[in-house]
Amino acid sequence: MEKTILLIAFITIGLIGFYQLKAFYTGIIYTTLGLYCFAVSNNKLAVNGILSLGYASGNVTYNLGFTSGAASASGIYWGLGVGSRYYFTEKLDAFAELGIGGSDYSNLSVGAAFKF
């Protein structure tokens, strides 16, 4: 059984606008993920535990006609999760991850990953 520890860092920058409500959100999220992976089933299936730590900062402005304003927030967050990957080839896999806490792993995520 092969075991791997990965450390991944990424930055997410977002801009969301709701024209009818005249509300706009901007945010920056920096996240570092630690994944402890181990292979099962002939190295095609991998199971991992996920620990994330990050910093998020966001701003919102709104004008609803009868009221308007702005707000901002920032802070450090954490998350825990579990996941699984199935490797179709060395460069293509499908994954599912479920987690709690934090800004990035508080939901179910499914998708495909490509290695270039």
PDB file of N, CA and C in Angstrom:
ATOM      1  N   MET A   1       0.838  -1.165   0.000  1.00  0.00           N
ATOM      2  CA  MET A   1       0.000   0.000   0.000  1.00  0.00           C
ATOM      3  C   MET A   1       0.893   1.242   0.000  1.00  0.00           C
ATOM      4  N   GLU A   2       0.769   2.054  -1.019  1.00  0.00           N
ATOM      5  CA  GLU A   2       1.586   3.251  -1.161  1.00  0.00           C
ATOM      6  C   GLU A   2       0.939   4.408  -0.411  1.00  0.00           C
ATOM      7  N   LYS A   3       1.751   5.174   0.345  1.00  0.00           N
ATOM      8  CA  LYS A   3       1.249   6.314   1.097  1.00  0.00           C
ATOM      9  C   LYS A   3       1.977   7.565   0.642  1.00  0.00           C
ATOM     10  N   THR A   4       1.239   8.667   0.545  1.00  0.00           N
ATOM     11  CA  THR A   4       1.809   9.917   0.059  1.00  0.00           C
ATOM     12  C   THR A   4       1.269  11.062   0.902  1.00  0.00           C
ATOM     13  N   ILE A   5       2.107  12.024   1.199  1.00  0.00           N
ATOM     14  CA  ILE A   5       1.673  13.249   1.846  1.00  0.00           C
ATOM     15  C   ILE A   5       1.906  14.386   0.861  1.00  0.00           C
ATOM     16  N   LEU A   6       0.858  15.160   0.585  1.00  0.00           N
ATOM     17  CA  LEU A   6       0.940  16.273  -0.351  1.00  0.00           C
ATOM     18  C   LEU A   6       0.651  17.571   0.377  1.00  0.00           C
ATOM     19  N   LEU A   7       1.296  18.641  -0.035  1.00  0.00           N
ATOM     20  CA  LEU A   7       1.015  19.977   0.466  1.00  0.00           C
ATOM     21  C   LEU A   7       0.728  20.846  -0.746  1.00  0.00           C
ATOM     22  N   ILE A   8      -0.461  21.414  -0.788  1.00  0.00           N
ATOM     23  CA  ILE A   8      -0.897  22.190  -1.949  1.00  0.00           C
ATOM     24  C   ILE A   8      -1.286  23.582  -1.462  1.00  0.00           C
ATOM     25  N   ALA A   9      -0.885  24.616  -2.183  1.00  0.00           N
ATOM     26  CA  ALA A   9      -1.285  25.982  -1.861  1.00  0.00           C
ATOM     27  C   ALA A   9      -1.926  26.594  -3.098  1.00  0.00           C
ATOM     28  N   PHE A  10      -3.010  27.328  -2.897  1.00  0.00           N
ATOM     29  CA  PHE A  10      -3.638  28.011  -4.020  1.00  0.00           C
ATOM     30  C   PHE A  10      -4.325  29.282  -3.550  1.00  0.00           C
ATOM     31  N   ILE A  11      -4.548  30.180  -4.511  1.00  0.00           N
ATOM     32  CA  ILE A  11      -5.222  31.442  -4.248  1.00  0.00           C
ATOM     33  C   ILE A  11      -6.452  31.501  -5.138  1.00  0.00           C
ATOM     34  N   THR A  12      -7.588  31.872  -4.569  1.00  0.00           N
ATOM     35  CA  THR A  12      -8.822  32.052  -5.321  1.00  0.00           C
ATOM     36  C   THR A  12      -9.211  33.520  -5.224  1.00  0.00           C
ATOM     37  N   ILE A  13      -9.465  34.136  -6.364  1.00  0.00           N
ATOM     38  CA  ILE A  13      -9.909  35.523  -6.404  1.00  0.00           C
ATOM     39  C   ILE A  13     -11.280  35.529  -7.056  1.00  0.00           C
ATOM     40  N   GLY A  14     -12.257  36.128  -6.398  1.00  0.00           N
ATOM     41  CA  GLY A  14     -13.613  36.076  -6.925  1.00  0.00           C
ATOM     42  C   GLY A  14     -14.250  37.441  -7.030  1.00  0.00           C
ATOM     43  N   LEU A  15     -15.128  37.570  -8.023  1.00  0.00           N
ATOM     44  CA  LEU A  15     -15.937  38.762  -8.213  1.00  0.00           C
ATOM     45  C   LEU A  15     -17.319  38.266  -8.613  1.00  0.00           C
ATOM     46  N   ILE A  16     -18.315  38.576  -7.805  1.00  0.00           N
ATOM     47  CA  ILE A  16     -19.675  38.154  -8.090  1.00  0.00           C
ATOM     48  C   ILE A  16     -20.543  39.395  -8.092  1.00  0.00           C
ATOM     49  N   GLY A  17     -21.338  39.569  -9.135  1.00  0.00           N
ATOM     50  CA  GLY A  17     -22.247  40.708  -9.209  1.00  0.00           C
ATOM     51  C   GLY A  17     -23.676  40.236  -9.391  1.00  0.00           C
ATOM     52  N   PHE A  18     -24.589  40.836  -8.656  1.00  0.00           N
ATOM     53  CA  PHE A  18     -26.007  40.558  -8.800  1.00  0.00           C
ATOM     54  C   PHE A  18     -26.650  41.849  -9.292  1.00  0.00           C
ATOM     55  N   TYR A  19     -26.841  41.966 -10.598  1.00  0.00           N
ATOM     56  CA  TYR A  19     -27.243  43.232 -11.191  1.00  0.00           C
ATOM     57  C   TYR A  19     -28.616  43.694 -10.699  1.00  0.00           C
ATOM     58  N   GLN A  20     -29.599  42.794 -10.646  1.00  0.00           N
ATOM     59  CA  GLN A  20     -30.938  43.213 -10.250  1.00  0.00           C
ATOM     60  C   GLN A  20     -30.971  43.722  -8.817  1.00  0.00           C
ATOM     61  N   LEU A  21     -30.169  43.126  -7.951  1.00  0.00           N
ATOM     62  CA  LEU A  21     -30.099  43.588  -6.566  1.00  0.00           C
ATOM     63  C   LEU A  21     -29.069  44.700  -6.391  1.00  0.00           C
ATOM     64  N   LYS A  22     -28.289  44.933  -7.427  1.00  0.00           N
ATOM     65  CA  LYS A  22     -27.208  45.917  -7.379  1.00  0.00           C
ATOM     66  C   LYS A  22     -26.267  45.649  -6.202  1.00  0.00           C
ATOM     67  N   ALA A  23     -25.879  44.385  -6.083  1.00  0.00           N
ATOM     68  CA  ALA A  23     -24.958  43.972  -5.024  1.00  0.00           C
ATOM     69  C   ALA A  23     -23.730  43.339  -5.677  1.00  0.00           C
ATOM     70  N   PHE A  24     -22.564  43.644  -5.166  1.00  0.00           N
ATOM     71  CA  PHE A  24     -21.326  43.120  -5.715  1.00  0.00           C
ATOM     72  C   PHE A  24     -20.442  42.606  -4.587  1.00  0.00           C
ATOM     73  N   TYR A  25     -19.887  41.415  -4.789  1.00  0.00           N
ATOM     74  CA  TYR A  25     -19.006  40.786  -3.812  1.00  0.00           C
ATOM     75  C   TYR A  25     -17.640  40.595  -4.456  1.00  0.00           C
ATOM     76  N   THR A  26     -16.594  40.952  -3.749  1.00  0.00           N
ATOM     77  CA  THR A  26     -15.233  40.643  -4.173  1.00  0.00           C
ATOM     78  C   THR A  26     -14.545  39.939  -3.017  1.00  0.00           C
ATOM     79  N   GLY A  27     -13.702  39.005  -3.354  1.00  0.00           N
ATOM     80  CA  GLY A  27     -13.026  38.285  -2.291  1.00  0.00           C
ATOM     81  C   GLY A  27     -11.731  37.651  -2.747  1.00  0.00           C
ATOM     82  N   ILE A  28     -10.839  37.456  -1.814  1.00  0.00           N
ATOM     83  CA  ILE A  28      -9.583  36.768  -2.052  1.00  0.00           C
ATOM     84  C   ILE A  28      -9.444  35.697  -0.971  1.00  0.00           C
ATOM     85  N   ILE A  29      -9.137  34.475  -1.395  1.00  0.00           N
ATOM     86  CA  ILE A  29      -8.967  33.362  -0.465  1.00  0.00           C
ATOM     87  C   ILE A  29      -7.616  32.718  -0.738  1.00  0.00           C
ATOM     88  N   TYR A  30      -6.796  32.583   0.283  1.00  0.00           N
ATOM     89  CA  TYR A  30      -5.536  31.865   0.178  1.00  0.00           C
ATOM     90  C   TYR A  30      -5.676  30.615   1.028  1.00  0.00           C
ATOM     91  N   THR A  31      -5.414  29.470   0.445  1.00  0.00           N
ATOM     92  CA  THR A  31      -5.599  28.203   1.151  1.00  0.00           C
ATOM     93  C   THR A  31      -4.382  27.314   0.997  1.00  0.00           C
ATOM     94  N   THR A  32      -4.000  26.661   2.062  1.00  0.00           N
ATOM     95  CA  THR A  32      -2.997  25.610   2.023  1.00  0.00           C
ATOM     96  C   THR A  32      -3.679  24.314   2.450  1.00  0.00           C
ATOM     97  N   LEU A  33      -3.533  23.290   1.630  1.00  0.00           N
ATOM     98  CA  LEU A  33      -4.133  21.986   1.914  1.00  0.00           C
ATOM     99  C   LEU A  33      -3.043  20.983   2.230  1.00  0.00           C
ATOM    100  N   GLY A  34      -3.285  20.178   3.206  1.00  0.00           N
ATOM    101  CA  GLY A  34      -2.438  19.031   3.477  1.00  0.00           C
ATOM    102  C   GLY A  34      -3.252  17.781   3.220  1.00  0.00           C
ATOM    103  N   LEU A  35      -2.789  16.899   2.373  1.00  0.00           N
ATOM    104  CA  LEU A  35      -3.500  15.671   2.050  1.00  0.00           C
ATOM    105  C   LEU A  35      -2.640  14.478   2.415  1.00  0.00           C
ATOM    106  N   TYR A  36      -3.210  13.555   3.142  1.00  0.00           N
ATOM    107  CA  TYR A  36      -2.549  12.283   3.436  1.00  0.00           C
ATOM    108  C   TYR A  36      -3.262  11.239   2.601  1.00  0.00           C
ATOM    109  N   CYS A  37      -2.585  10.718   1.598  1.00  0.00           N
ATOM    110  CA  CYS A  37      -3.199   9.809   0.634  1.00  0.00           C
ATOM    111  C   CYS A  37      -2.608   8.416   0.773  1.00  0.00           C
ATOM    112  N   PHE A  38      -3.442   7.422   0.579  1.00  0.00           N
ATOM    113  CA  PHE A  38      -2.927   6.074   0.450  1.00  0.00           C
ATOM    114  C   PHE A  38      -3.723   5.334  -0.616  1.00  0.00           C
ATOM    115  N   ALA A  39      -3.013   4.563  -1.400  1.00  0.00           N
ATOM    116  CA  ALA A  39      -3.599   3.856  -2.535  1.00  0.00           C
ATOM    117  C   ALA A  39      -4.201   2.529  -2.088  1.00  0.00           C
ATOM    118  N   VAL A  40      -5.304   2.203  -2.679  1.00  0.00           N
ATOM    119  CA  VAL A  40      -5.937   0.902  -2.481  1.00  0.00           C
ATOM    120  C   VAL A  40      -6.331   0.379  -3.860  1.00  0.00           C
ATOM    121  N   SER A  41      -6.640  -0.868  -3.965  1.00  0.00           N
ATOM    122  CA  SER A  41      -7.139  -1.454  -5.204  1.00  0.00           C
ATOM    123  C   SER A  41      -6.181  -1.255  -6.376  1.00  0.00           C
ATOM    124  N   ASN A  42      -4.968  -1.808  -6.253  1.00  0.00           N
ATOM    125  CA  ASN A  42      -4.025  -1.829  -7.368  1.00  0.00           C
ATOM    126  C   ASN A  42      -3.634  -0.433  -7.865  1.00  0.00           C
ATOM    127  N   ASN A  43      -3.520   0.543  -6.965  1.00  0.00           N
ATOM    128  CA  ASN A  43      -3.117   1.923  -7.258  1.00  0.00           C
ATOM    129  C   ASN A  43      -4.063   2.671  -8.184  1.00  0.00           C
ATOM    130  N   LYS A  44      -5.276   2.179  -8.425  1.00  0.00           N
ATOM    131  CA  LYS A  44      -6.272   2.902  -9.218  1.00  0.00           C
ATOM    132  C   LYS A  44      -7.157   3.778  -8.332  1.00  0.00           C
ATOM    133  N   LEU A  45      -7.338   3.367  -7.087  1.00  0.00           N
ATOM    134  CA  LEU A  45      -8.191   4.087  -6.152  1.00  0.00           C
ATOM    135  C   LEU A  45      -7.333   4.611  -5.005  1.00  0.00           C
ATOM    136  N   ALA A  46      -7.501   5.876  -4.673  1.00  0.00           N
ATOM    137  CA  ALA A  46      -6.776   6.479  -3.554  1.00  0.00           C
ATOM    138  C   ALA A  46      -7.781   7.120  -2.606  1.00  0.00           C
ATOM    139  N   VAL A  47      -7.521   6.983  -1.325  1.00  0.00           N
ATOM    140  CA  VAL A  47      -8.339   7.594  -0.279  1.00  0.00           C
ATOM    141  C   VAL A  47      -7.455   8.594   0.441  1.00  0.00           C
ATOM    142  N   ASN A  48      -8.010   9.763   0.797  1.00  0.00           N
ATOM    143  CA  ASN A  48      -7.176  10.743   1.475  1.00  0.00           C
ATOM    144  C   ASN A  48      -7.924  11.457   2.582  1.00  0.00           C
ATOM    145  N   GLY A  49      -7.163  11.905   3.560  1.00  0.00           N
ATOM    146  CA  GLY A  49      -7.629  12.793   4.612  1.00  0.00           C
ATOM    147  C   GLY A  49      -7.131  14.191   4.286  1.00  0.00           C
ATOM    148  N   ILE A  50      -7.940  15.209   4.537  1.00  0.00           N
ATOM    149  CA  ILE A  50      -7.613  16.571   4.128  1.00  0.00           C
ATOM    150  C   ILE A  50      -7.668  17.496   5.337  1.00  0.00           C
ATOM    151  N   LEU A  51      -6.649  18.316   5.487  1.00  0.00           N
ATOM    152  CA  LEU A  51      -6.607  19.372   6.492  1.00  0.00           C
ATOM    153  C   LEU A  51      -6.296  20.662   5.751  1.00  0.00           C
ATOM    154  N   SER A  52      -7.114  21.685   5.936  1.00  0.00           N
ATOM    155  CA  SER A  52      -6.857  22.951   5.260  1.00  0.00           C
ATOM    156  C   SER A  52      -6.762  24.081   6.275  1.00  0.00           C
ATOM    157  N   LEU A  53      -5.958  25.053   5.946  1.00  0.00           N
ATOM    158  CA  LEU A  53      -5.788  26.260   6.743  1.00  0.00           C
ATOM    159  C   LEU A  53      -5.663  27.406   5.762  1.00  0.00           C
ATOM    160  N   GLY A  54      -6.378  28.488   6.004  1.00  0.00           N
ATOM    161  CA  GLY A  54      -6.326  29.576   5.041  1.00  0.00           C
ATOM    162  C   GLY A  54      -6.727  30.905   5.626  1.00  0.00           C
ATOM    163  N   TYR A  55      -6.698  31.900   4.753  1.00  0.00           N
ATOM    164  CA  TYR A  55      -7.077  33.263   5.085  1.00  0.00           C
ATOM    165  C   TYR A  55      -8.042  33.746   4.017  1.00  0.00           C
ATOM    166  N   ALA A  56      -9.155  34.310   4.418  1.00  0.00           N
ATOM    167  CA  ALA A  56     -10.146  34.817   3.476  1.00  0.00           C
ATOM    168  C   ALA A  56     -10.442  36.274   3.790  1.00  0.00           C
ATOM    169  N   SER A  57     -10.655  37.039   2.741  1.00  0.00           N
ATOM    170  CA  SER A  57     -11.007  38.438   2.871  1.00  0.00           C
ATOM    171  C   SER A  57     -12.075  38.755   1.833  1.00  0.00           C
ATOM    172  N   GLY A  58     -13.137  39.432   2.237  1.00  0.00           N
ATOM    173  CA  GLY A  58     -14.205  39.726   1.292  1.00  0.00           C
ATOM    174  C   GLY A  58     -14.871  41.057   1.582  1.00  0.00           C
ATOM    175  N   ASN A  59     -15.448  41.627   0.535  1.00  0.00           N
ATOM    176  CA  ASN A  59     -16.171  42.894   0.629  1.00  0.00           C
ATOM    177  C   ASN A  59     -17.476  42.771  -0.146  1.00  0.00           C
ATOM    178  N   VAL A  60     -18.508  43.418   0.333  1.00  0.00           N
ATOM    179  CA  VAL A  60     -19.773  43.461  -0.394  1.00  0.00           C
ATOM    180  C   VAL A  60     -20.296  44.897  -0.349  1.00  0.00           C
ATOM    181  N   THR A  61     -20.821  45.354  -1.473  1.00  0.00           N
ATOM    182  CA  THR A  61     -21.509  46.637  -1.541  1.00  0.00           C
ATOM    183  C   THR A  61     -22.886  46.381  -2.135  1.00  0.00           C
ATOM    184  N   TYR A  62     -23.876  47.123  -1.681  1.00  0.00           N
ATOM    185  CA  TYR A  62     -25.224  46.915  -2.181  1.00  0.00           C
ATOM    186  C   TYR A  62     -25.991  48.228  -2.201  1.00  0.00           C
ATOM    187  N   ASN A  63     -26.935  48.300  -3.126  1.00  0.00           N
ATOM    188  CA  ASN A  63     -27.845  49.426  -3.247  1.00  0.00           C
ATOM    189  C   ASN A  63     -29.198  48.857  -3.642  1.00  0.00           C
ATOM    190  N   LEU A  64     -30.103  48.782  -2.695  1.00  0.00           N
ATOM    191  CA  LEU A  64     -31.404  48.166  -2.929  1.00  0.00           C
ATOM    192  C   LEU A  64     -32.487  49.190  -3.231  1.00  0.00           C
ATOM    193  N   GLY A  65     -32.109  50.422  -3.428  1.00  0.00           N
ATOM    194  CA  GLY A  65     -33.082  51.466  -3.697  1.00  0.00           C
ATOM    195  C   GLY A  65     -33.511  52.177  -2.430  1.00  0.00           C
ATOM    196  N   PHE A  66     -34.017  51.427  -1.474  1.00  0.00           N
ATOM    197  CA  PHE A  66     -34.448  52.024  -0.213  1.00  0.00           C
ATOM    198  C   PHE A  66     -33.339  52.034   0.827  1.00  0.00           C
ATOM    199  N   THR A  67     -32.272  51.262   0.592  1.00  0.00           N
ATOM    200  CA  THR A  67     -31.129  51.246   1.500  1.00  0.00           C
ATOM    201  C   THR A  67     -29.881  50.832   0.725  1.00  0.00           C
ATOM    202  N   SER A  68     -28.752  51.252   1.215  1.00  0.00           N
ATOM    203  CA  SER A  68     -27.485  50.881   0.579  1.00  0.00           C
ATOM    204  C   SER A  68     -26.425  50.784   1.671  1.00  0.00           C
ATOM    205  N   GLY A  69     -25.317  50.162   1.330  1.00  0.00           N
ATOM    206  CA  GLY A  69     -24.263  50.038   2.310  1.00  0.00           C
ATOM    207  C   GLY A  69     -23.122  49.176   1.814  1.00  0.00           C
ATOM    208  N   ALA A  70     -22.222  48.913   2.713  1.00  0.00           N
ATOM    209  CA  ALA A  70     -21.052  48.102   2.398  1.00  0.00           C
ATOM    210  C   ALA A  70     -20.617  47.381   3.669  1.00  0.00           C
ATOM    211  N   ALA A  71     -19.988  46.246   3.476  1.00  0.00           N
ATOM    212  CA  ALA A  71     -19.471  45.477   4.609  1.00  0.00           C
ATOM    213  C   ALA A  71     -18.231  44.728   4.150  1.00  0.00           C
ATOM    214  N   SER A  72     -17.377  44.421   5.092  1.00  0.00           N
ATOM    215  CA  SER A  72     -16.189  43.631   4.777  1.00  0.00           C
ATOM    216  C   SER A  72     -15.873  42.737   5.971  1.00  0.00           C
ATOM    217  N   ALA A  73     -15.197  41.644   5.660  1.00  0.00           N
ATOM    218  CA  ALA A  73     -14.794  40.707   6.708  1.00  0.00           C
ATOM    219  C   ALA A  73     -13.538  39.980   6.258  1.00  0.00           C
ATOM    220  N   SER A  74     -12.755  39.528   7.215  1.00  0.00           N
ATOM    221  CA  SER A  74     -11.575  38.740   6.901  1.00  0.00           C
ATOM    222  C   SER A  74     -11.231  37.892   8.117  1.00  0.00           C
ATOM    223  N   GLY A  75     -10.457  36.856   7.864  1.00  0.00           N
ATOM    224  CA  GLY A  75     -10.054  36.034   8.986  1.00  0.00           C
ATOM    225  C   GLY A  75      -9.409  34.728   8.552  1.00  0.00           C
ATOM    226  N   ILE A  76      -8.923  34.019   9.528  1.00  0.00           N
ATOM    227  CA  ILE A  76      -8.284  32.722   9.310  1.00  0.00           C
ATOM    228  C   ILE A  76      -9.351  31.645   9.454  1.00  0.00           C
ATOM    229  N   TYR A  77      -9.299  30.634   8.614  1.00  0.00           N
ATOM    230  CA  TYR A  77     -10.246  29.536   8.697  1.00  0.00           C
ATOM    231  C   TYR A  77      -9.513  28.211   8.581  1.00  0.00           C
ATOM    232  N   TRP A  78     -10.211  27.144   8.946  1.00  0.00           N
ATOM    233  CA  TRP A  78      -9.651  25.790   8.870  1.00  0.00           C
ATOM    234  C   TRP A  78     -10.728  24.863   8.319  1.00  0.00           C
ATOM    235  N   GLY A  79     -10.315  23.705   7.893  1.00  0.00           N
ATOM    236  CA  GLY A  79     -11.268  22.712   7.412  1.00  0.00           C
ATOM    237  C   GLY A  79     -10.690  21.309   7.513  1.00  0.00           C
ATOM    238  N   LEU A  80     -11.578  20.337   7.657  1.00  0.00           N
ATOM    239  CA  LEU A  80     -11.216  18.928   7.674  1.00  0.00           C
ATOM    240  C   LEU A  80     -12.058  18.215   6.632  1.00  0.00           C
ATOM    241  N   GLY A  81     -11.495  17.218   5.990  1.00  0.00           N
ATOM    242  CA  GLY A  81     -12.268  16.501   5.000  1.00  0.00           C
ATOM    243  C   GLY A  81     -11.699  15.136   4.693  1.00  0.00           C
ATOM    244  N   VAL A  82     -12.471  14.399   3.936  1.00  0.00           N
ATOM    245  CA  VAL A  82     -12.048  13.106   3.414  1.00  0.00           C
ATOM    246  C   VAL A  82     -12.346  13.110   1.922  1.00  0.00           C
ATOM    247  N   GLY A  83     -11.587  12.325   1.199  1.00  0.00           N
ATOM    248  CA  GLY A  83     -11.792  12.282  -0.239  1.00  0.00           C
ATOM    249  C   GLY A  83     -11.350  10.967  -0.828  1.00  0.00           C
ATOM    250  N   SER A  84     -11.700  10.813  -2.080  1.00  0.00           N
ATOM    251  CA  SER A  84     -11.324   9.615  -2.816  1.00  0.00           C
ATOM    252  C   SER A  84     -11.073  10.004  -4.262  1.00  0.00           C
ATOM    253  N   ARG A  85     -10.107   9.340  -4.882  1.00  0.00           N
ATOM    254  CA  ARG A  85      -9.785   9.557  -6.293  1.00  0.00           C
ATOM    255  C   ARG A  85      -9.696   8.216  -6.999  1.00  0.00           C
ATOM    256  N   TYR A  86     -10.202   8.172  -8.215  1.00  0.00           N
ATOM    257  CA  TYR A  86     -10.045   6.989  -9.050  1.00  0.00           C
ATOM    258  C   TYR A  86      -9.249   7.412 -10.277  1.00  0.00           C
ATOM    259  N   TYR A  87      -8.097   6.785 -10.489  1.00  0.00           N
ATOM    260  CA  TYR A  87      -7.197   7.139 -11.581  1.00  0.00           C
ATOM    261  C   TYR A  87      -7.524   6.295 -12.817  1.00  0.00           C
ATOM    262  N   PHE A  88      -8.059   6.963 -13.843  1.00  0.00           N
ATOM    263  CA  PHE A  88      -8.311   6.291 -15.112  1.00  0.00           C
ATOM    264  C   PHE A  88      -6.996   6.058 -15.851  1.00  0.00           C
ATOM    265  N   THR A  89      -6.174   7.094 -15.875  1.00  0.00           N
ATOM    266  CA  THR A  89      -4.830   7.026 -16.450  1.00  0.00           C
ATOM    267  C   THR A  89      -3.904   7.772 -15.498  1.00  0.00           C
ATOM    268  N   GLU A  90      -2.635   7.862 -15.834  1.00  0.00           N
ATOM    269  CA  GLU A  90      -1.684   8.609 -15.016  1.00  0.00           C
ATOM    270  C   GLU A  90      -1.993  10.102 -15.020  1.00  0.00           C
ATOM    271  N   LYS A  91      -2.682  10.594 -16.057  1.00  0.00           N
ATOM    272  CA  LYS A  91      -2.944  12.021 -16.195  1.00  0.00           C
ATOM    273  C   LYS A  91      -4.411  12.411 -16.022  1.00  0.00           C
ATOM    274  N   LEU A  92      -5.294  11.461 -15.732  1.00  0.00           N
ATOM    275  CA  LEU A  92      -6.715  11.760 -15.595  1.00  0.00           C
ATOM    276  C   LEU A  92      -7.302  10.977 -14.429  1.00  0.00           C
ATOM    277  N   ASP A  93      -8.005  11.709 -13.527  1.00  0.00           N
ATOM    278  CA  ASP A  93      -8.701  11.036 -12.433  1.00  0.00           C
ATOM    279  C   ASP A  93     -10.012  11.741 -12.129  1.00  0.00           C
ATOM    280  N   ALA A  94     -10.910  11.020 -11.488  1.00  0.00           N
ATOM    281  CA  ALA A  94     -12.165  11.566 -10.975  1.00  0.00           C
ATOM    282  C   ALA A  94     -12.064  11.580  -9.458  1.00  0.00           C
ATOM    283  N   PHE A  95     -12.673  12.588  -8.822  1.00  0.00           N
ATOM    284  CA  PHE A  95     -12.555  12.687  -7.376  1.00  0.00           C
ATOM    285  C   PHE A  95     -13.888  13.081  -6.740  1.00  0.00           C
ATOM    286  N   ALA A  96     -14.005  12.786  -5.466  1.00  0.00           N
ATOM    287  CA  ALA A  96     -15.109  13.237  -4.616  1.00  0.00           C
ATOM    288  C   ALA A  96     -14.507  13.573  -3.256  1.00  0.00           C
ATOM    289  N   GLU A  97     -14.898  14.717  -2.699  1.00  0.00           N
ATOM    290  CA  GLU A  97     -14.380  15.162  -1.409  1.00  0.00           C
ATOM    291  C   GLU A  97     -15.516  15.725  -0.570  1.00  0.00           C
ATOM    292  N   LEU A  98     -15.494  15.443   0.713  1.00  0.00           N
ATOM    293  CA  LEU A  98     -16.507  15.916   1.638  1.00  0.00           C
ATOM    294  C   LEU A  98     -15.800  16.458   2.863  1.00  0.00           C
ATOM    295  N   GLY A  99     -16.233  17.652   3.324  1.00  0.00           N
ATOM    296  CA  GLY A  99     -15.537  18.225   4.463  1.00  0.00           C
ATOM    297  C   GLY A  99     -16.414  19.089   5.332  1.00  0.00           C
ATOM    298  N   ILE A 100     -15.813  19.571   6.420  1.00  0.00           N
ATOM    299  CA  ILE A 100     -16.491  20.466   7.349  1.00  0.00           C
ATOM    300  C   ILE A 100     -15.566  21.624   7.663  1.00  0.00           C
ATOM    301  N   GLY A 101     -16.157  22.750   8.031  1.00  0.00           N
ATOM    302  CA  GLY A 101     -15.383  23.910   8.443  1.00  0.00           C
ATOM    303  C   GLY A 101     -14.716  24.596   7.274  1.00  0.00           C
ATOM    304  N   GLY A 102     -14.179  25.739   7.526  1.00  0.00           N
ATOM    305  CA  GLY A 102     -13.404  26.443   6.516  1.00  0.00           C
ATOM    306  C   GLY A 102     -14.233  26.969   5.363  1.00  0.00           C
ATOM    307  N   SER A 103     -13.564  27.633   4.470  1.00  0.00           N
ATOM    308  CA  SER A 103     -14.238  28.243   3.347  1.00  0.00           C
ATOM    309  C   SER A 103     -14.172  27.362   2.120  1.00  0.00           C
ATOM    310  N   ASP A 104     -13.329  26.354   2.120  1.00  0.00           N
ATOM    311  CA  ASP A 104     -13.136  25.587   0.889  1.00  0.00           C
ATOM    312  C   ASP A 104     -13.641  24.154   0.976  1.00  0.00           C
ATOM    313  N   TYR A 105     -13.757  23.564   2.147  1.00  0.00           N
ATOM    314  CA  TYR A 105     -14.178  22.170   2.268  1.00  0.00           C
ATOM    315  C   TYR A 105     -15.407  22.025   3.151  1.00  0.00           C
ATOM    316  N   SER A 106     -16.396  22.872   2.947  1.00  0.00           N
ATOM    317  CA  SER A 106     -17.600  22.764   3.754  1.00  0.00           C
ATOM    318  C   SER A 106     -18.744  22.126   2.970  1.00  0.00           C
ATOM    319  N   ASN A 107     -18.447  21.568   1.814  1.00  0.00           N
ATOM    320  CA  ASN A 107     -19.454  20.952   0.971  1.00  0.00           C
ATOM    321  C   ASN A 107     -18.934  19.670   0.359  1.00  0.00           C
ATOM    322  N   LEU A 108     -19.780  19.100  -0.458  1.00  0.00           N
ATOM    323  CA  LEU A 108     -19.383  17.946  -1.268  1.00  0.00           C
ATOM    324  C   LEU A 108     -18.844  18.472  -2.589  1.00  0.00           C
ATOM    325  N   SER A 109     -17.680  18.019  -2.978  1.00  0.00           N
ATOM    326  CA  SER A 109     -17.084  18.404  -4.259  1.00  0.00           C
ATOM    327  C   SER A 109     -16.858  17.145  -5.077  1.00  0.00           C
ATOM    328  N   VAL A 110     -17.243  17.179  -6.330  1.00  0.00           N
ATOM    329  CA  VAL A 110     -16.959  16.087  -7.254  1.00  0.00           C
ATOM    330  C   VAL A 110     -16.432  16.695  -8.539  1.00  0.00           C
ATOM    331  N   GLY A 111     -15.594  15.949  -9.234  1.00  0.00           N
ATOM    332  CA  GLY A 111     -15.061  16.486 -10.474  1.00  0.00           C
ATOM    333  C   GLY A 111     -13.993  15.591 -11.066  1.00  0.00           C
ATOM    334  N   ALA A 112     -13.306  16.151 -12.016  1.00  0.00           N
ATOM    335  CA  ALA A 112     -12.205  15.461 -12.696  1.00  0.00           C
ATOM    336  C   ALA A 112     -10.964  16.338 -12.604  1.00  0.00           C
ATOM    337  N   ALA A 113      -9.807  15.695 -12.549  1.00  0.00           N
ATOM    338  CA  ALA A 113      -8.538  16.417 -12.498  1.00  0.00           C
ATOM    339  C   ALA A 113      -7.665  15.919 -13.641  1.00  0.00           C
ATOM    340  N   PHE A 114      -6.982  16.866 -14.271  1.00  0.00           N
ATOM    341  CA  PHE A 114      -6.100  16.562 -15.390  1.00  0.00           C
ATOM    342  C   PHE A 114      -4.686  16.979 -15.019  1.00  0.00           C
ATOM    343  N   LYS A 115      -3.718  16.173 -15.300  1.00  0.00           N
ATOM    344  CA  LYS A 115      -2.321  16.502 -15.064  1.00  0.00           C
ATOM    345  C   LYS A 115      -1.687  16.858 -16.409  1.00  0.00           C
ATOM    346  N   PHE A 116      -1.074  18.037 -16.488  1.00  0.00           N
ATOM    347  CA  PHE A 116      -0.449  18.476 -17.734  1.00  0.00           C
ATOM    348  C   PHE A 116       1.024  18.134 -17.752  1.00  0.00           C
TER     349      PHE A 116
END
